[in-house]
Protein backbone atom coordinates (compact mmCIF):
# COMPACT_ATOMS: atom_id res chain seq x y z
CA MET A 1 112.30 169.92 78.24
CA LYS A 2 115.67 170.35 76.57
CA ASN A 3 117.16 167.26 74.98
CA ASN A 4 120.77 168.08 75.88
CA VAL A 5 120.82 166.34 79.27
CA ILE A 6 124.30 166.13 80.77
CA PHE A 7 124.84 163.14 83.04
CA ASN A 8 127.37 163.25 85.85
CA ILE A 9 127.55 159.68 87.09
CA ASP A 10 130.06 158.87 89.83
CA GLN A 11 131.09 155.78 91.76
CA SER A 12 128.50 156.28 94.51
CA LEU A 13 125.68 156.23 91.96
CA ILE A 14 127.14 153.18 90.23
CA ASP A 15 127.32 151.42 93.61
CA LEU A 16 123.64 152.19 94.22
CA PHE A 17 122.74 150.93 90.74
CA LEU A 18 124.63 147.68 91.32
CA ARG A 19 123.17 147.21 94.78
CA ASP A 20 119.51 147.86 94.12
CA ILE A 21 118.78 147.86 90.36
CA TYR A 22 121.20 145.68 88.42
CA LYS A 23 119.85 142.16 87.94
CA ASP A 24 122.58 140.84 85.66
CA ILE A 25 125.14 140.60 88.42
CA ARG A 26 123.51 137.25 89.19
CA ARG A 27 125.57 134.46 87.63
CA ILE A 28 123.73 131.89 85.50
CA GLU A 29 125.03 128.99 83.43
CA VAL A 30 123.46 126.38 81.18
CA ILE A 31 125.42 123.14 81.37
CA LYS A 32 125.12 119.43 80.56
CA ILE A 33 125.16 116.91 83.42
CA ASP A 34 124.50 113.21 82.73
CA ASN A 35 122.68 114.00 79.48
CA ASN A 36 120.48 116.54 81.28
CA THR A 37 120.49 120.21 80.35
CA VAL A 38 120.73 122.15 83.60
CA LEU A 39 120.20 125.81 84.50
CA ARG A 40 122.71 126.56 87.24
CA ARG A 41 121.81 129.69 89.17
CA TYR A 42 124.27 130.97 91.72
CA SER A 43 123.35 132.72 94.94
CA ASP A 44 122.78 136.46 94.54
CA GLY A 45 123.92 137.13 98.10
CA VAL A 46 120.46 138.42 99.07
CA VAL A 47 118.61 135.16 99.64
CA SER A 48 120.72 132.16 100.64
CA ILE A 49 120.47 128.93 98.67
CA SER A 50 119.31 127.06 101.78
CA ASP A 51 116.50 129.56 102.44
CA GLU A 52 115.36 129.47 98.82
CA VAL A 53 115.38 125.67 98.71
CA GLU A 54 113.47 125.51 101.99
CA PHE A 55 110.81 127.80 100.53
CA LEU A 56 110.56 125.87 97.26
CA ASN A 57 110.27 122.58 99.15
CA LYS A 58 107.49 124.01 101.26
CA LEU A 59 105.61 124.92 98.10
CA ASN A 60 106.25 121.57 96.44
CA PHE A 61 105.00 119.69 99.50
CA CYS A 62 101.64 121.51 99.34
CA LYS A 63 99.28 118.88 98.02
CA ASP A 64 96.86 121.43 96.55
CA LYS A 65 99.48 123.26 94.42
CA ASN A 66 98.11 123.42 90.87
CA TRP A 67 101.10 124.92 89.03
CA LEU A 68 104.66 123.91 88.20
CA ILE A 69 108.17 124.80 89.36
CA PRO A 70 111.20 123.52 87.39
CA PRO A 71 112.54 120.41 89.16
CA ILE A 72 115.60 120.92 91.36
CA LEU A 73 118.37 118.53 90.27
CA ASN A 74 121.19 119.49 92.61
CA ILE A 75 121.94 121.85 95.48
CA THR A 76 125.14 123.26 97.00
CA ASP A 77 125.78 126.23 99.25
CA ASP A 78 126.68 128.28 96.16
CA TYR A 79 124.09 127.32 93.54
CA ILE A 80 120.92 125.48 92.58
CA ASP A 81 120.66 123.30 89.48
CA PHE A 82 117.21 123.40 87.89
CA LYS A 83 115.97 121.38 84.96
CA TYR A 84 116.38 123.59 81.90
CA ILE A 85 113.05 124.35 80.23
CA ARG A 86 113.42 124.64 76.45
CA GLY A 87 110.50 126.85 75.59
CA ILE A 88 109.68 130.55 75.65
CA ARG A 89 109.39 133.06 78.46
CA LEU A 90 105.71 133.92 78.83
CA PHE A 91 106.52 137.63 78.55
CA ASN A 92 108.01 137.10 75.08
CA PHE A 93 105.07 134.96 74.02
CA LEU A 94 102.61 137.66 75.11
CA ILE A 95 104.64 140.30 73.24
CA GLU A 96 104.18 138.29 70.04
CA LEU A 97 100.48 137.74 70.72
CA ARG A 98 100.13 141.49 71.33
CA TYR A 99 101.65 142.16 67.92
CA LEU A 100 99.35 139.66 66.24
CA PHE A 101 96.30 141.25 67.85
CA LEU A 102 97.10 144.97 67.83
CA VAL A 103 98.83 145.07 64.45
CA GLU A 104 97.32 142.15 62.56
CA HIS A 105 93.97 142.14 64.41
CA SER A 106 94.08 138.41 65.12
CA LYS A 107 91.13 137.50 67.33
CA LYS A 108 92.66 134.08 67.87
CA ALA A 109 95.76 135.71 69.36
CA LEU A 110 93.52 137.64 71.74
CA TYR A 111 91.73 134.43 72.69
CA VAL A 112 95.03 132.70 73.54
CA SER A 113 96.09 135.74 75.58
CA GLU A 114 92.92 135.59 77.63
CA ILE A 115 93.45 131.87 78.28
CA ILE A 116 96.96 132.62 79.51
CA LYS A 117 95.70 135.40 81.74
CA ASP A 118 93.02 133.17 83.25
CA ILE A 119 95.52 130.40 84.00
CA THR A 120 98.13 132.71 85.54
CA ILE A 121 95.55 134.45 87.73
CA LYS A 122 94.33 131.08 89.00
CA ASN A 123 97.96 130.07 89.65
CA LEU A 124 98.49 133.27 91.64
CA GLU A 125 95.30 132.75 93.64
CA ASN A 126 96.52 129.25 94.46
CA PHE A 127 99.94 130.56 95.52
CA GLN A 128 98.33 133.08 97.86
CA ASN A 129 95.99 130.46 99.31
CA LEU A 130 98.86 128.02 99.92
CA THR A 131 101.13 130.60 101.53
CA SER A 132 98.35 132.07 103.67
CA ASN A 133 99.21 129.33 106.18
CA PHE A 134 102.90 130.29 106.30
CA ASP A 135 104.20 132.12 109.36
CA LEU A 136 104.35 135.72 108.08
CA SER A 137 106.42 136.81 111.06
CA ARG A 138 109.39 135.07 109.40
CA TYR A 139 109.23 137.42 106.42
CA SER A 140 110.32 141.04 106.05
CA GLU A 141 108.39 144.21 105.42
CA TYR A 142 109.14 145.67 102.01
CA PRO A 143 111.48 148.69 102.45
CA VAL A 144 109.23 150.98 100.43
CA VAL A 145 110.96 154.32 100.94
CA GLU A 146 114.42 152.89 100.28
CA LYS A 147 113.29 150.98 97.18
CA LEU A 148 111.47 153.98 95.70
CA LEU A 149 114.18 156.50 96.49
CA SER A 150 116.74 154.41 94.60
CA PRO A 151 115.45 155.09 91.06
CA ILE A 152 114.64 158.71 91.98
CA THR A 153 118.19 159.26 93.23
CA LEU A 154 119.78 157.45 90.30
CA LEU A 155 117.78 159.30 87.65
CA CYS A 156 117.58 162.78 89.13
CA ASP A 157 120.88 163.18 90.93
CA SER A 158 122.84 161.91 87.94
CA SER A 159 121.67 164.85 85.83
CA SER A 160 121.36 167.56 88.50
CA PHE A 161 117.57 167.60 88.22
CA ASP A 162 116.30 169.91 90.95
CA TYR A 163 113.67 168.52 93.32
CA ASN A 164 112.63 168.89 96.94
CA LEU A 165 113.98 165.76 98.61
CA ASP A 166 112.30 166.47 101.95
CA GLU A 167 108.86 166.66 100.32
CA VAL A 168 109.52 163.49 98.33
CA LYS A 169 110.61 161.59 101.45
CA SER A 170 107.56 162.82 103.34
CA ASP A 171 105.19 161.68 100.59
CA LEU A 172 106.93 158.32 100.24
CA SER A 173 106.75 157.81 104.01
CA ILE A 174 102.97 158.29 103.93
CA ILE A 175 102.65 155.86 101.03
CA SER A 176 104.98 153.39 102.77
CA LYS A 177 103.00 153.46 106.00
CA TYR A 178 99.77 152.65 104.16
CA TYR A 179 101.44 149.97 101.99
CA LYS A 180 102.85 148.18 105.04
CA SER A 181 99.50 148.36 106.87
CA ILE A 182 97.86 146.28 104.12
CA SER A 183 100.80 143.88 103.54
CA THR A 184 99.11 140.66 104.56
CA THR A 185 100.47 138.18 102.01
CA LEU A 186 103.77 137.00 100.56
CA PHE A 187 105.22 138.70 97.50
CA ARG A 188 105.41 136.38 94.50
CA ASP A 189 106.60 138.77 91.73
CA ALA A 190 104.00 137.30 89.42
CA THR A 191 104.93 139.09 86.20
CA PRO A 192 104.91 137.07 82.96
CA LYS A 193 108.71 137.42 82.96
CA ASN A 194 108.78 134.89 85.81
CA ILE A 195 106.90 132.17 83.93
CA ILE A 196 108.24 129.86 81.21
CA PHE A 197 106.01 128.13 78.67
CA ASP A 198 107.51 124.68 78.08
CA GLU A 199 106.95 124.51 74.34
CA PRO A 200 110.09 123.31 72.47
CA LEU A 201 108.58 124.39 69.14
CA LEU A 202 109.13 128.00 70.24
CA TYR A 203 112.64 127.66 71.65
CA TYR A 204 114.80 130.50 70.33
CA ASP A 205 117.54 128.31 68.86
CA ASN A 206 115.03 127.06 66.29
CA PHE A 207 114.81 130.49 64.66
CA ILE A 208 116.91 133.12 62.94
CA ASP A 209 115.40 136.01 64.90
CA ASP A 210 112.19 137.29 66.54
CA THR A 211 110.46 137.79 63.19
CA ASP A 212 111.16 134.20 62.23
CA ARG A 213 109.69 132.96 65.51
CA ARG A 214 106.63 135.18 65.05
CA ILE A 215 105.89 133.40 61.78
CA LYS A 216 105.79 130.11 63.67
CA ILE A 217 103.64 131.54 66.46
CA ARG A 218 101.23 133.03 63.92
CA SER A 219 100.89 129.65 62.21
CA LEU A 220 100.26 127.81 65.50
CA VAL A 221 97.76 130.42 66.68
CA ASN A 222 95.83 130.23 63.41
CA SER A 223 95.69 126.41 63.64
CA ASP A 224 94.27 126.58 67.21
CA TYR A 225 97.33 124.79 68.60
CA PHE A 226 97.38 126.65 71.93
CA ASP A 227 94.47 125.31 73.92
CA GLU A 228 93.84 125.59 77.66
CA LYS A 229 95.08 122.09 78.45
CA LEU A 230 98.41 122.57 76.65
CA LEU A 231 99.01 125.91 78.34
CA SER A 232 97.92 124.99 81.86
CA GLU A 233 100.06 121.83 81.91
CA ASN A 234 103.23 123.53 80.65
CA LEU A 235 103.67 126.81 82.50
CA TYR A 236 106.64 126.77 84.88
CA HIS A 237 107.00 129.47 87.54
CA ILE A 238 110.53 130.69 88.28
CA ASP A 239 112.44 133.09 90.55
CA PHE A 240 111.06 132.99 94.07
CA THR A 241 113.87 135.07 95.57
CA GLY A 242 111.47 137.97 96.23
CA CYS A 243 109.24 135.81 98.41
CA ASN A 244 111.05 136.94 101.53
CA TYR A 245 108.90 140.10 101.54
CA LYS A 246 105.32 140.76 102.58
CA CYS A 247 103.07 142.78 100.28
CA PRO A 248 99.42 143.78 99.79
CA LYS A 249 97.23 141.06 98.32
CA VAL A 250 96.59 143.16 95.21
CA ASP A 251 100.31 143.67 94.50
CA ASP A 252 100.88 140.51 92.50
CA PHE A 253 97.53 140.87 90.74
CA ILE A 254 98.83 144.19 89.44
CA ALA A 255 101.97 142.41 88.20
CA ALA A 256 99.88 139.66 86.59
CA ASN A 257 97.40 142.04 84.94
CA LEU A 258 99.09 145.38 84.34
CA HIS A 259 102.60 144.68 83.15
CA GLU A 260 103.24 146.42 79.84
CA CYS A 261 103.14 143.10 77.98
CA ASN A 262 99.56 142.27 79.01
CA ILE A 263 97.87 145.53 80.00
CA TRP A 264 96.27 145.63 76.54
CA ILE A 265 94.21 142.46 77.18
CA PRO A 266 90.52 143.28 77.85
CA SER A 267 90.39 141.35 81.15
CA SER A 268 93.38 143.40 82.33
CA GLN A 269 91.58 146.61 81.41
CA PHE A 270 88.54 145.39 83.34
CA PHE A 271 90.74 144.71 86.39
CA TYR A 272 92.20 148.21 86.13
CA ASN A 273 88.84 149.97 85.75
CA GLU A 274 87.32 147.96 88.58
CA ASN A 275 90.07 149.00 91.00
CA ILE A 276 91.18 152.49 89.97
CA ASN A 277 89.25 154.22 92.76
CA ASN A 278 90.38 151.81 95.47
CA THR A 279 93.01 153.24 97.82
CA ASP A 280 94.75 149.88 98.39
CA PHE A 281 95.11 149.52 94.63
CA LEU A 282 96.36 153.09 94.13
CA VAL A 283 99.05 152.82 96.81
CA THR A 284 100.19 149.44 95.55
CA ILE A 285 100.32 150.33 91.87
CA PHE A 286 102.31 153.43 92.81
CA VAL A 287 104.94 151.26 94.48
CA ARG A 288 104.93 148.55 91.81
CA TYR A 289 105.02 150.91 88.81
CA LEU A 290 107.84 153.03 90.21
CA ARG A 291 109.90 149.87 90.61
CA PHE A 292 108.83 148.49 87.19
CA GLY A 293 109.57 151.69 85.31
CA GLY A 294 112.45 152.83 87.50
CA ARG A 295 114.52 149.70 86.92
CA LYS A 296 114.09 149.84 83.15
CA LEU A 297 114.88 153.54 82.95
CA CYS A 298 117.94 153.17 85.17
CA TYR A 299 119.20 150.51 82.77
CA ARG A 300 118.56 152.90 79.86
CA ILE A 301 120.67 155.63 81.45
CA TYR A 302 123.37 153.62 83.27
CA ASN A 303 123.70 150.40 81.28
CA SER A 304 122.61 151.16 77.73
CA ILE A 305 124.13 147.90 76.43
CA GLY A 306 122.07 145.87 78.89
CA HIS A 307 118.92 147.93 78.25
CA LYS A 308 119.03 147.34 74.49
CA ILE A 309 118.94 143.59 75.07
CA ARG A 310 117.20 142.94 78.39
CA PHE A 311 114.45 145.51 77.82
CA ARG A 312 114.25 145.57 74.04
CA PHE A 313 110.52 144.82 74.17
CA ASP A 314 109.79 147.25 77.05
CA TYR A 315 108.92 150.93 76.94
CA GLU A 316 109.04 152.31 80.46
CA LYS A 317 107.27 155.58 79.69
CA ILE A 318 103.88 153.92 80.16
CA TYR A 319 104.61 153.49 83.88
CA PHE A 320 105.58 157.11 84.52
CA GLU A 321 102.57 158.49 82.67
CA GLN A 322 100.34 156.32 84.83
CA LEU A 323 102.22 157.32 87.99
CA SER A 324 101.37 160.99 87.44
CA PHE A 325 97.69 160.08 87.23
CA VAL A 326 97.88 157.86 90.33
CA THR A 327 99.71 160.59 92.27
CA ASP A 328 96.82 162.98 91.63
CA LYS A 329 94.47 160.45 93.18
CA LEU A 330 96.77 159.86 96.17
CA ILE A 331 96.86 163.61 96.84
CA LYS A 332 93.12 163.33 97.54
CA GLU A 333 93.13 159.88 99.15
CA LEU A 334 96.19 160.12 101.43
CA GLY A 335 96.87 163.83 101.65
CA ILE A 336 100.35 163.67 100.12
CA LYS A 337 101.61 166.89 98.53
CA GLY A 338 102.53 165.17 95.27
CA SER A 339 103.83 168.16 93.32
CA GLU A 340 107.49 167.10 93.48
CA LEU A 341 106.64 163.49 92.63
CA LYS A 342 104.64 164.59 89.59
CA LYS A 343 107.54 166.79 88.46
CA ILE A 344 109.89 163.82 88.81
CA PHE A 345 107.56 161.51 86.85
CA ASP A 346 107.32 164.06 84.02
CA TYR A 347 111.11 164.12 83.94
CA MET A 348 111.30 160.32 83.93
CA SER A 349 108.82 160.23 81.03
CA PHE A 350 111.12 162.59 79.16
CA LEU A 351 114.20 160.47 79.92
CA SER A 352 112.39 157.39 78.60
CA ASP A 353 112.71 158.72 75.05
CA LEU A 354 116.46 159.36 75.23
CA THR A 355 118.97 157.23 73.37
CA ILE A 356 122.14 156.91 75.44
CA ASP A 357 125.35 156.19 73.51
CA ILE A 358 127.61 155.74 76.55
CA ASP A 359 127.44 152.67 78.75
CA TYR A 360 128.30 154.39 82.03
CA LEU A 361 128.32 151.14 84.00
CA SER A 362 131.23 149.78 81.98
CA LEU A 363 133.31 152.85 82.85
CA PHE A 364 133.25 151.85 86.53
CA PHE A 365 132.47 148.11 86.53
CA ASP A 366 133.79 145.29 84.37
CA ASN A 367 130.66 143.83 82.77
CA SER A 368 132.46 142.46 79.70
CA ASP A 369 131.58 138.85 80.58
CA VAL A 370 127.92 139.52 81.40
CA LYS A 371 125.49 137.64 79.17
CA TYR A 372 122.42 139.84 78.71
CA TYR A 373 119.19 138.20 77.62
CA SER A 374 115.53 139.14 77.21
CA GLY A 375 113.91 135.73 76.93
CA LEU A 376 115.35 132.45 78.15
CA PHE A 377 118.97 132.39 79.17
CA PRO A 378 121.05 132.31 77.03
CA ASP A 379 119.43 134.15 74.11
CA LYS A 380 121.41 134.32 70.89
C-alpha cells in the first residue's frame, strides 16, 4: 500500500470518536482529604454513580470474594472518591517483565509473570462465580454491530478507503447474533490495565523514567521479592463501568490471557492453542480484538498526542494480523463472506505503522487540559 494516506476528518467523525472511542474525556483528579490521598473519578455519563456504587457494594458484600477493590471513601451524584493506590498498573509491570524475559532472558521474570497470570485468572473465575447469581435481565446486551462499526467507520471513511459496507454489516450481524446467543455472564473487562499492584516501591514518582524503574524491578525480581503471597494480597481491581453488559464466558478470559502485554506468557499461549478451533472463542476474540486494536489505532490517527502517551507500550498491529486469521476460520464456521473484513484488517495493519504528525482531535475539540497517562494517574 502507498504511504501517502490523505485523511479527511470532519466533525461527524470527531463526534463518533468522542462518543465511542475516546476514554480521556472522563475527568479524574488526585487530591488530599484529611491526610488521605484520594482518586476522584467523575461520572462519564454512561453509567451513573449510583448504579456503579450499587454494583460495587454488591460485590463487596459477597462473602466469598477473594480479590480487592480500592475502598470507597466518599460518594456524590457527580463523583466517587476511591483510596489512591500508590503502586504500578499491572499492565506496566507485565511490560517490564516481558522486557526482562524476552530481551534479557530472565527466567525469574517469567516465573513472576506466571504467578500473576494464575492469580488474575483465579480472581476472574471468582468474579464470574459471584456474579452468576445476579439477575442478568437487569443488564444489557453488548451492541456488537455498533461497537465494531465504529472503528471501521473512523479508520476507513476518514481516508476514503473503499469497502462494501453492506457485506461488512451482514458479516457483523452474523457474528453479533452468535455472540449474543452465548452471552451468559457479566462483562468484567479483565485486562491487566484494570488492575493495580499496590507496591509503593514501584510508584512512578520514585523514578526518573521507565528505564530507571526497570532497574528497580530487575533488582527485585532477581532477589525473589515478588512471591505469590505478596502479589495475591496486593492486587486491586478497578473500573467496573463496563459491567452493565453481558458477554460470553470466554470473553474476559481472552482479555486476561491474550492482551498484548501478556500473550507472550506460555500459559497464555496454551490457552490460545487449546481454544483456537472453538467457535465460541473465535467469535469472541473477533469482537474483543477489533475493539482492542480499533481503539488504539483510532487514537493513533485522530489523537496522536494521546496515543503517544496512553498507548506508548502498545502496538495494535498484532490484533489486526490475528483478526485476518480468525476471519478465515469464521468463514468456515459461520458462513460469513469475510473478504471485505480481511481487506479492512490488512488496511488497519498498514495504518498501524503510520506516524501521524497532526492531532486532528485538537482541531475540533479543546483537549488542552486533558492529562494523558499510561500507568497510574497522573503519570509524570
